[in-house]
Amino acid sequence: MNEQWMIRENYVGSVIFGILALGGIFGVYAGNLIHLFTIIASGSVSWALWYEAKQIEKQQ
């Protein structure tokens, strides 16, 4: 797979999971504490994808 495509794909995935984490924050404000898991899981995946994209960029 092309490295530029992987970088773009990781950034898009990072944004998507970031939006899910933001939705989890709104869910917690609405009173559903189960969304704490959503915040942790989505935030972690978002950060990991962003970090991986940065590492691939550095290798180029």
Protein backbone atom coordinates (compact mmCIF):
# COMPACT_ATOMS: atom_id res chain seq x y z
CA MET A 1 0.00 0.00 0.00
CA ASN A 2 1.21 3.50 -0.75
CA GLU A 3 2.60 5.26 2.35
CA GLN A 4 0.79 8.52 1.54
CA TRP A 5 -2.48 6.57 1.43
CA MET A 6 -1.72 5.00 4.83
CA ILE A 7 -0.96 8.42 6.33
CA ARG A 8 -4.21 9.87 4.97
CA GLU A 9 -6.17 6.84 6.13
CA ASN A 10 -4.73 7.12 9.65
CA TYR A 11 -5.57 10.82 9.90
CA VAL A 12 -9.14 10.22 8.71
CA GLY A 13 -9.54 7.36 11.18
CA SER A 14 -8.12 9.53 13.94
CA VAL A 15 -10.67 12.26 13.24
CA ILE A 16 -13.54 9.75 13.15
CA PHE A 17 -12.56 8.22 16.48
CA GLY A 18 -12.02 11.70 17.91
CA ILE A 19 -15.59 12.59 16.97
CA LEU A 20 -16.79 9.39 18.66
CA ALA A 21 -14.89 10.39 21.82
CA LEU A 22 -16.50 13.83 21.66
CA GLY A 23 -19.90 12.14 21.38
CA GLY A 24 -19.00 10.09 24.45
CA ILE A 25 -18.31 13.30 26.36
CA PHE A 26 -21.76 14.59 25.46
CA GLY A 27 -23.21 11.24 26.53
CA VAL A 28 -21.59 11.56 29.94
CA TYR A 29 -22.98 15.08 30.30
CA ALA A 30 -26.39 13.63 29.49
CA GLY A 31 -26.02 11.31 32.46
CA ASN A 32 -24.95 8.01 30.87
CA LEU A 33 -21.74 6.98 32.59
CA ILE A 34 -21.37 3.98 30.26
CA HIS A 35 -20.02 6.49 27.74
CA LEU A 36 -16.84 6.79 29.80
CA PHE A 37 -15.77 3.58 28.05
CA THR A 38 -16.53 5.23 24.70
CA ILE A 39 -14.34 8.19 25.61
CA ILE A 40 -11.43 6.01 26.71
CA ALA A 41 -11.59 3.54 23.82
CA SER A 42 -12.21 6.07 21.05
CA GLY A 43 -9.70 8.54 22.43
CA SER A 44 -7.03 5.85 22.66
CA VAL A 45 -7.59 4.64 19.11
CA SER A 46 -7.65 8.21 17.82
CA TRP A 47 -4.36 9.01 19.52
CA ALA A 48 -2.75 5.76 18.29
CA LEU A 49 -3.74 6.40 14.66
CA TRP A 50 -2.51 9.99 14.81
CA TYR A 51 0.79 8.88 16.37
CA GLU A 52 1.28 6.18 13.72
CA ALA A 53 0.65 8.68 10.92
CA LYS A 54 3.27 11.03 12.42
CA GLN A 55 5.79 8.16 12.63
CA ILE A 56 5.24 7.23 8.98
CA GLU A 57 5.71 10.87 7.97
CA LYS A 58 9.02 11.01 9.86
CA GLN A 59 10.29 7.92 8.01
CA GLN A 60 9.79 9.53 4.62
